[in-house]
Protein backbone atom coordinates (compact mmCIF):
# COMPACT_ATOMS: atom_id res chain seq x y z
CA MET A 1 0.00 0.00 0.00
CA LYS A 2 1.43 3.34 -1.04
CA ARG A 3 2.21 5.84 1.67
CA ASN A 4 -0.11 8.84 1.68
CA ILE A 5 1.51 11.57 -0.45
CA LEU A 6 0.93 14.31 2.12
CA THR A 7 2.50 12.25 4.88
CA TYR A 8 5.47 11.48 2.64
CA LEU A 9 6.12 15.10 1.70
CA ILE A 10 5.81 16.29 5.29
CA LEU A 11 8.19 13.55 6.35
CA LEU A 12 10.69 14.56 3.67
CA ILE A 13 10.61 18.21 4.75
CA SER A 14 11.19 17.08 8.34
CA ILE A 15 14.17 14.98 7.24
CA LEU A 16 15.66 17.94 5.38
CA THR A 17 15.08 20.23 8.36
CA VAL A 18 16.81 17.84 10.75
CA ARG A 19 19.65 17.29 8.29
CA ALA A 20 20.10 21.06 8.04
CA GLN A 21 21.15 21.30 11.66
CA GLN A 22 24.43 19.64 10.71
CA TYR A 23 25.36 22.48 8.38
CA ILE A 24 23.79 25.69 9.66
CA ALA A 25 25.35 28.04 12.18
CA ASN A 26 23.85 31.45 12.87
CA THR A 27 22.47 31.79 9.33
CA GLU A 28 19.27 33.74 8.73
CA GLN A 29 16.57 31.40 7.48
CA LEU A 30 14.91 31.89 4.10
CA HIS A 31 11.19 31.21 3.74
CA VAL A 32 9.67 29.90 0.50
CA ALA A 33 5.99 29.15 -0.06
CA VAL A 34 5.00 26.74 -2.82
CA ILE A 35 1.36 26.82 -3.95
CA MET A 36 0.39 24.01 -6.31
CA PRO A 37 -2.66 21.85 -7.13
CA PHE A 38 -1.44 18.85 -5.15
CA CYS A 39 -5.06 17.71 -4.67
CA LEU A 40 -3.96 15.51 -1.80
CA GLU A 41 -7.53 14.70 -0.78
CA GLN A 42 -8.17 12.90 -4.05
CA SER A 43 -7.43 9.17 -4.23
CA GLN A 44 -6.42 9.26 -7.90
CA GLN A 45 -3.63 11.56 -9.09
CA SER A 46 -4.36 13.50 -12.27
CA ILE A 47 -1.59 14.40 -14.71
CA GLU A 48 -1.78 17.97 -13.37
CA THR A 49 -1.24 16.67 -9.84
CA GLN A 50 1.67 14.45 -10.85
CA LYS A 51 3.39 17.42 -12.48
CA ALA A 52 2.72 19.64 -9.44
CA ILE A 53 4.21 17.07 -7.07
CA ASP A 54 7.24 16.61 -9.34
CA PHE A 55 7.69 20.39 -9.34
CA TYR A 56 7.56 20.46 -5.53
CA LYS A 57 10.05 17.62 -5.26
CA GLY A 58 12.40 19.66 -7.47
CA VAL A 59 12.04 22.51 -4.96
CA LEU A 60 12.89 20.13 -2.11
CA MET A 61 16.05 19.05 -3.95
CA THR A 62 17.05 22.73 -4.19
CA VAL A 63 16.37 23.20 -0.50
CA ASP A 64 18.50 20.20 0.37
CA SER A 65 21.38 21.49 -1.77
CA LEU A 66 21.21 24.94 -0.20
CA LYS A 67 21.13 23.52 3.29
CA ARG A 68 24.21 21.49 2.53
CA ALA A 69 25.84 24.80 1.57
CA GLY A 70 24.86 26.33 4.91
CA ILE A 71 21.72 28.19 3.82
CA SER A 72 18.69 27.45 6.02
CA VAL A 73 15.36 27.26 4.15
CA TYR A 74 11.85 26.83 5.55
CA VAL A 75 9.30 25.44 3.08
CA LEU A 76 5.58 26.13 3.31
CA ALA A 77 3.60 23.90 0.91
CA LEU A 78 -0.04 24.84 0.27
CA ASP A 79 -2.56 22.90 -1.79
CA GLU A 80 -4.74 24.76 -4.31
CA GLY A 81 -7.07 21.77 -4.39
CA PRO A 82 -9.14 20.72 -7.40
CA ALA A 83 -10.03 23.33 -10.01
CA SER A 84 -13.73 23.10 -9.19
CA GLN A 85 -13.08 23.80 -5.51
CA THR A 86 -10.02 26.05 -5.43
CA LYS A 87 -8.66 26.88 -1.99
CA ILE A 88 -6.88 30.06 -3.04
CA GLN A 89 -9.06 32.35 -0.90
CA THR A 90 -8.25 30.26 2.16
CA ILE A 91 -4.58 30.15 1.21
CA VAL A 92 -4.18 33.92 1.07
CA GLN A 93 -5.59 34.13 4.62
CA ASN A 94 -2.90 31.82 5.99
CA PRO A 95 -0.78 33.97 8.37
CA LEU A 96 2.35 31.95 7.59
CA LEU A 97 2.18 33.06 3.96
CA LYS A 98 3.05 36.63 4.98
CA GLU A 99 6.39 35.35 6.28
CA ALA A 100 7.50 34.12 2.86
CA ASP A 101 10.53 35.70 1.18
CA VAL A 102 9.21 34.40 -2.13
CA ILE A 103 6.02 32.67 -3.22
CA ILE A 104 6.20 30.15 -6.07
CA GLY A 105 2.83 29.52 -7.68
CA PRO A 106 0.04 29.19 -8.31
CA GLY A 107 -0.21 26.20 -10.58
CA ARG A 108 -3.43 27.41 -12.24
CA ASN A 109 -4.07 30.60 -14.17
CA ALA A 110 -7.44 31.13 -12.48
CA ASP A 111 -5.72 31.61 -9.10
CA ILE A 112 -3.19 34.19 -10.24
CA SER A 113 -5.19 37.38 -9.56
CA PRO A 114 -5.90 36.89 -5.84
CA LEU A 115 -2.36 35.66 -5.23
CA ALA A 116 -0.83 38.58 -7.14
CA THR A 117 -2.94 40.99 -5.07
CA PHE A 118 -1.75 39.31 -1.87
CA ALA A 119 1.88 39.49 -3.01
CA GLN A 120 1.62 43.19 -3.82
CA THR A 121 -0.16 44.02 -0.55
CA ASN A 122 2.51 42.23 1.45
CA HIS A 123 5.50 43.17 -0.76
CA ILE A 124 6.47 39.57 -1.52
CA PRO A 125 7.97 38.45 -4.85
CA LEU A 126 5.60 36.07 -6.66
CA ALA A 127 7.20 33.67 -9.16
CA ILE A 128 4.50 32.32 -11.48
CA PRO A 129 5.94 29.12 -12.99
CA PHE A 130 3.54 27.82 -15.64
CA ALA A 131 1.25 30.49 -17.07
CA ASN A 132 2.46 31.73 -20.46
CA THR A 133 -0.33 34.05 -21.58
CA THR A 134 0.58 37.65 -22.31
CA ASN A 135 0.39 40.60 -19.90
CA ILE A 136 0.37 38.53 -16.70
CA ALA A 137 2.92 40.91 -15.17
CA GLY A 138 1.21 44.05 -16.44
CA GLY A 139 0.32 46.35 -13.53
CA ARG A 140 1.63 43.79 -11.03
CA PRO A 141 5.04 45.01 -9.84
CA TYR A 142 5.71 42.00 -7.57
CA VAL A 143 5.03 39.36 -10.22
CA PHE A 144 7.76 37.39 -12.01
CA GLN A 145 6.44 35.49 -15.02
CA CYS A 146 8.84 32.58 -15.49
CA ASN A 147 7.26 30.98 -18.56
CA THR A 148 6.60 33.44 -21.38
CA HIS A 149 4.96 32.36 -24.61
CA GLN A 150 7.36 31.46 -27.41
CA SER A 151 5.87 34.16 -29.64
CA ALA A 152 7.18 36.76 -27.18
CA HIS A 153 10.69 35.68 -28.18
CA TYR A 154 10.23 35.93 -31.94
CA THR A 155 11.79 39.38 -32.33
CA LYS A 156 14.89 38.35 -30.35
CA VAL A 157 15.26 35.23 -32.47
CA PHE A 158 14.81 37.17 -35.71
CA ASP A 159 17.30 39.85 -34.68
CA ARG A 160 19.86 37.20 -33.80
CA PHE A 161 19.27 35.47 -37.12
CA VAL A 162 19.77 38.69 -39.09
CA LYS A 163 22.99 39.36 -37.18
CA HIS A 164 24.48 35.90 -37.76
CA ASN A 165 22.86 34.54 -40.92
CA SER A 166 21.96 37.39 -43.26
CA ALA A 167 24.70 36.32 -45.71
CA ASP A 168 23.36 32.75 -45.94
CA ASN A 169 21.01 31.37 -48.57
CA ILE A 170 17.65 31.33 -46.79
CA LEU A 171 14.82 29.15 -48.05
CA PHE A 172 11.34 28.86 -46.51
CA VAL A 173 9.73 25.49 -47.26
CA GLU A 174 5.95 25.13 -47.42
CA MET A 175 5.17 21.66 -46.07
CA ASN A 176 1.36 21.64 -46.51
CA ASP A 177 0.94 20.19 -43.03
CA LYS A 178 -1.72 20.68 -40.35
CA ALA A 179 0.97 21.64 -37.83
CA GLN A 180 1.74 24.86 -39.68
CA LYS A 181 3.67 27.67 -37.97
CA ASP A 182 2.05 30.35 -40.12
CA THR A 183 2.51 33.23 -37.68
CA PHE A 184 6.17 32.35 -37.16
CA HIS A 185 6.84 32.23 -40.92
CA ALA A 186 4.89 35.41 -41.63
CA GLU A 187 6.66 37.42 -38.94
CA PHE A 188 10.03 35.92 -39.84
CA THR A 189 9.80 36.89 -43.51
CA LYS A 190 8.47 40.32 -42.60
CA HIS A 191 11.46 40.87 -40.30
CA LEU A 192 13.91 39.76 -42.99
CA SER A 193 12.35 42.07 -45.55
CA ALA A 194 12.48 45.00 -43.12
CA ASN A 195 16.21 44.36 -42.75
CA SER A 196 16.79 43.92 -46.50
CA VAL A 197 17.72 40.25 -46.09
CA LYS A 198 16.98 38.15 -49.16
CA TYR A 199 15.16 34.82 -48.95
CA SER A 200 13.31 32.41 -51.24
CA ARG A 201 10.24 30.20 -50.94
CA ILE A 202 9.51 26.72 -52.22
CA ASN A 203 6.71 24.19 -51.85
CA PHE A 204 7.79 20.75 -50.71
CA SER A 205 5.90 19.22 -53.64
CA ASP A 206 8.25 21.11 -56.01
CA PHE A 207 11.49 19.82 -54.51
CA ASP A 208 12.35 17.43 -57.34
CA ASP A 209 11.94 20.07 -60.03
CA ASN A 210 13.06 23.30 -58.38
CA LEU A 211 15.10 22.80 -55.20
CA THR A 212 18.59 22.55 -56.68
CA GLN A 213 17.95 25.73 -58.66
CA LEU A 214 17.48 27.59 -55.37
CA LEU A 215 20.41 26.08 -53.47
CA ASP A 216 23.87 27.64 -53.50
CA SER A 217 27.01 25.48 -53.43
CA THR A 218 29.15 28.41 -52.23
CA ARG A 219 27.08 29.37 -49.18
CA ASN A 220 25.35 27.86 -46.18
CA ASN A 221 21.78 26.95 -47.14
CA ILE A 222 19.23 27.36 -44.35
CA LEU A 223 15.92 25.57 -44.91
CA ILE A 224 13.05 26.65 -42.64
CA PRO A 225 10.02 24.33 -42.92
CA SER A 226 6.54 25.70 -42.25
CA SER A 227 5.55 22.77 -40.03
CA SER A 228 6.86 21.67 -36.65
CA SER A 229 5.56 18.09 -36.84
CA ALA A 230 7.72 14.97 -36.76
CA LYS A 231 6.00 13.76 -39.91
CA SER A 232 7.02 16.83 -41.88
CA PHE A 233 10.55 16.79 -40.46
CA ASP A 234 11.03 13.15 -41.48
CA MET A 235 9.51 13.73 -44.92
CA LEU A 236 11.83 16.66 -45.54
CA CYS A 237 14.93 14.78 -44.41
CA LEU A 238 14.00 11.65 -46.36
CA LYS A 239 13.68 13.70 -49.54
CA MET A 240 17.01 15.46 -48.97
CA ASN A 241 18.67 12.11 -48.24
CA ASP A 242 17.26 10.65 -51.45
CA MET A 243 18.57 13.65 -53.39
CA ASN A 244 21.98 13.28 -51.66
CA LEU A 245 22.11 17.04 -51.13
CA SER A 246 24.75 16.96 -48.41
CA ALA A 247 27.30 15.71 -50.96
CA THR A 248 27.13 19.04 -52.81
CA TYR A 249 25.56 21.59 -50.48
CA ARG A 250 25.94 22.76 -46.89
CA ILE A 251 22.43 22.34 -45.51
CA GLN A 252 21.16 23.62 -42.16
CA LEU A 253 17.60 23.12 -40.91
CA MET A 254 15.98 25.71 -38.66
CA GLY A 255 12.82 25.16 -36.67
CA THR A 256 10.77 25.91 -33.59
CA PRO A 257 10.65 24.60 -29.97
CA GLU A 258 8.55 21.58 -30.94
CA TRP A 259 11.65 19.98 -32.48
CA GLN A 260 12.89 18.99 -29.04
CA THR A 261 10.00 16.52 -28.90
CA LEU A 262 11.04 14.73 -32.11
CA PRO A 263 11.36 10.96 -31.60
CA ALA A 264 14.69 9.17 -31.35
CA LYS A 265 14.49 7.95 -34.94
CA SER A 266 14.69 11.57 -36.12
CA GLN A 267 17.83 12.35 -34.12
CA LYS A 268 20.26 11.15 -36.77
CA ASN A 269 18.93 13.69 -39.26
CA MET A 270 19.00 16.41 -36.60
CA TYR A 271 22.76 15.95 -36.48
CA THR A 272 23.22 15.34 -40.21
CA TYR A 273 21.54 18.60 -41.18
CA SER A 274 22.84 20.74 -38.28
CA ALA A 275 19.33 21.32 -36.96
CA THR A 276 18.88 24.55 -35.05
CA PHE A 277 15.86 25.77 -33.12
CA PHE A 278 14.99 28.27 -30.43
CA THR A 279 13.17 27.38 -27.25
CA THR A 280 12.40 28.77 -23.81
CA PHE A 281 13.30 25.46 -22.14
CA TYR A 282 15.41 22.46 -23.08
CA ASN A 283 16.27 19.21 -21.36
CA ASN A 284 19.85 18.41 -22.28
CA ASN A 285 20.26 14.70 -21.63
CA LEU A 286 23.95 14.97 -22.58
CA SER A 287 24.66 17.35 -19.68
CA THR A 288 26.43 15.89 -16.65
CA ARG A 289 24.38 18.10 -14.31
CA THR A 290 21.15 16.93 -15.88
CA LYS A 291 22.21 13.30 -15.59
CA GLU A 292 23.05 13.84 -11.93
CA PHE A 293 19.71 15.51 -11.24
CA ILE A 294 17.79 12.68 -12.93
CA TYR A 295 19.76 10.12 -10.93
CA ASN A 296 19.25 11.96 -7.63
CA PHE A 297 15.53 12.51 -8.30
CA ARG A 298 15.08 8.79 -8.92
CA SER A 299 17.19 7.90 -5.91
CA ASN A 300 15.31 10.26 -3.56
CA PHE A 301 11.76 9.57 -4.68
CA ARG A 302 11.93 6.05 -6.19
CA HIS A 303 10.48 7.12 -9.51
CA ASP A 304 11.36 9.21 -12.55
CA GLN A 305 9.89 12.59 -13.38
CA TYR A 306 6.63 12.57 -15.29
CA ALA A 307 7.51 12.21 -18.98
CA SER A 308 6.72 15.63 -20.43
CA TYR A 309 8.20 18.75 -22.00
CA PRO A 310 9.26 20.51 -19.88
CA ARG A 311 10.17 18.18 -17.02
CA TYR A 312 8.54 19.57 -13.93
CA GLY A 313 11.04 18.37 -11.34
CA GLU A 314 13.80 20.25 -13.13
CA MET A 315 11.57 23.29 -13.52
CA GLY A 316 10.85 23.34 -9.79
CA HIS A 317 14.57 23.07 -9.10
CA ASP A 318 15.53 25.87 -11.52
CA ILE A 319 12.93 28.39 -10.36
CA SER A 320 13.46 27.79 -6.64
CA ALA A 321 17.26 27.80 -6.96
CA PHE A 322 17.21 31.01 -8.96
CA PHE A 323 15.04 32.95 -6.52
CA LEU A 324 16.41 31.55 -3.27
CA THR A 325 20.02 32.25 -4.27
CA ALA A 326 19.00 35.73 -5.44
CA ILE A 327 17.24 36.50 -2.16
CA GLN A 328 20.15 35.12 -0.16
CA ARG A 329 22.51 37.33 -2.15
CA TYR A 330 20.52 40.56 -2.51
CA GLY A 331 17.92 40.50 0.28
CA SER A 332 15.66 43.55 0.16
CA GLN A 333 17.52 44.80 -2.93
CA LEU A 334 16.25 41.86 -4.99
CA PHE A 335 14.17 43.95 -7.39
CA ASP A 336 17.11 46.20 -8.21
CA HIS A 337 19.53 43.35 -8.95
CA ILE A 338 17.39 40.53 -10.34
CA GLY A 339 18.25 41.53 -13.92
CA THR A 340 21.92 40.70 -13.32
CA HIS A 341 21.46 37.60 -11.20
CA ASP A 342 23.19 34.64 -12.80
CA TYR A 343 22.15 31.03 -12.31
CA ASN A 344 23.13 28.11 -14.55
CA SER A 345 19.78 26.44 -15.15
CA LEU A 346 19.24 22.76 -15.82
CA GLN A 347 16.34 23.31 -18.18
CA LEU A 348 14.71 26.73 -17.85
CA PRO A 349 16.93 29.77 -18.49
CA LEU A 350 15.89 32.78 -16.44
CA HIS A 351 16.58 36.45 -17.12
CA PHE A 352 13.98 38.95 -15.93
CA THR A 353 13.26 42.45 -17.14
CA ARG A 354 10.40 44.89 -16.70
CA PRO A 355 9.47 48.10 -18.53
CA ASP A 356 9.03 50.20 -15.36
CA ARG A 357 8.29 49.98 -11.64
CA GLN A 358 4.53 49.92 -12.18
CA ASN A 359 4.77 46.54 -13.92
CA GLY A 360 6.14 43.15 -13.05
CA PHE A 361 8.96 41.12 -14.56
CA THR A 362 8.89 38.69 -17.48
CA ASN A 363 11.47 36.06 -18.31
CA GLN A 364 13.27 37.06 -21.51
CA ALA A 365 15.87 34.29 -21.63
CA THR A 366 15.95 32.16 -24.77
CA TYR A 367 17.96 29.14 -25.83
CA MET A 368 19.31 28.52 -29.29
CA ILE A 369 19.94 24.79 -29.69
CA TYR A 370 22.55 23.67 -32.22
CA TYR A 371 22.87 20.03 -33.28
CA LYS A 372 26.28 19.36 -34.78
CA PRO A 373 27.33 16.61 -37.25
CA THR A 374 30.01 15.69 -34.68
CA GLY A 375 27.24 14.45 -32.35
CA ASP A 376 27.43 17.44 -30.03
CA VAL A 377 24.52 19.60 -28.88
CA ILE A 378 25.36 23.22 -28.09
CA LEU A 379 23.11 25.51 -26.03
CA SER A 380 23.46 29.26 -26.36
CA THR A 381 21.50 31.52 -24.03
CA PHE A 382 20.61 35.04 -25.09
């Protein structure tokens, strides 16, 4: 019979607290509140609940690491409950919540407004981990939106592309697929035109007749398919393999965040054609730190993280580590220094900016992922 989840988590926090006494001497304690839909009163865990618990366990792993480094952390975990019976109004009346140095949550968009009001009233930083709709931080000076929508990063990606690739031969490929990235293509081509960068278009159905006429043997050829699906990616690569293009041309594929979900059978072509894509999160299974985290998560909790993109245990670790180390370093000056705070994330890069003091912060960090024919994967944060 499985141990009750609530009992297990409370026990784990107790273990970490006791363990901390070995390392802490006259260190001011940090307080973090984590508000997630744990739904501990339900007998069956939903996918949402599994992700929330993974996220919390990632926070606990951060807390354990910090305590080993001599930083005392008190964790307050509060359950939002099921969506139909949210407990957010009860949560914001909890007197212990006012003691938090940072609040991480909520897990649901519907609970953001009352929690953001509480954070502002009590001058507590609120790190919202999941919500990626626009303008969450607008008019909320204590809010930190950790997960911004990928479309919010388009201009940065386009500017970087113009800076580094304007001399390349750029070719947009219409794949005629349901998983079209029409907005991405439209804004991309508009940005190139505004910067006087030349590009061409081709329909995938015309590859046999017209592709080689558009390729350039003296330059790098960047092909940007209109679809993000695995089916389209495999179709495109199969056609290029059949045409043996790599024997004559330097080909580079460029895509969108969905490419990190491509199945293992597509990986060979990712390396062959130097696939590049931008994303706001990336799980680098080749990283030693990631391997260690996965091992320790499994060792501590006797199971792996829920299989998803992103991985929620790593997200909980990144967000909690970023804010707790920032608070430990800057204290009451957090808001003035958060833009320069540096933390080497496992999966979720974090760099916050805000337009003015009347608004909150949004995460502007972006990864560019480069697959190399050598078998390496390079991450560049900007």
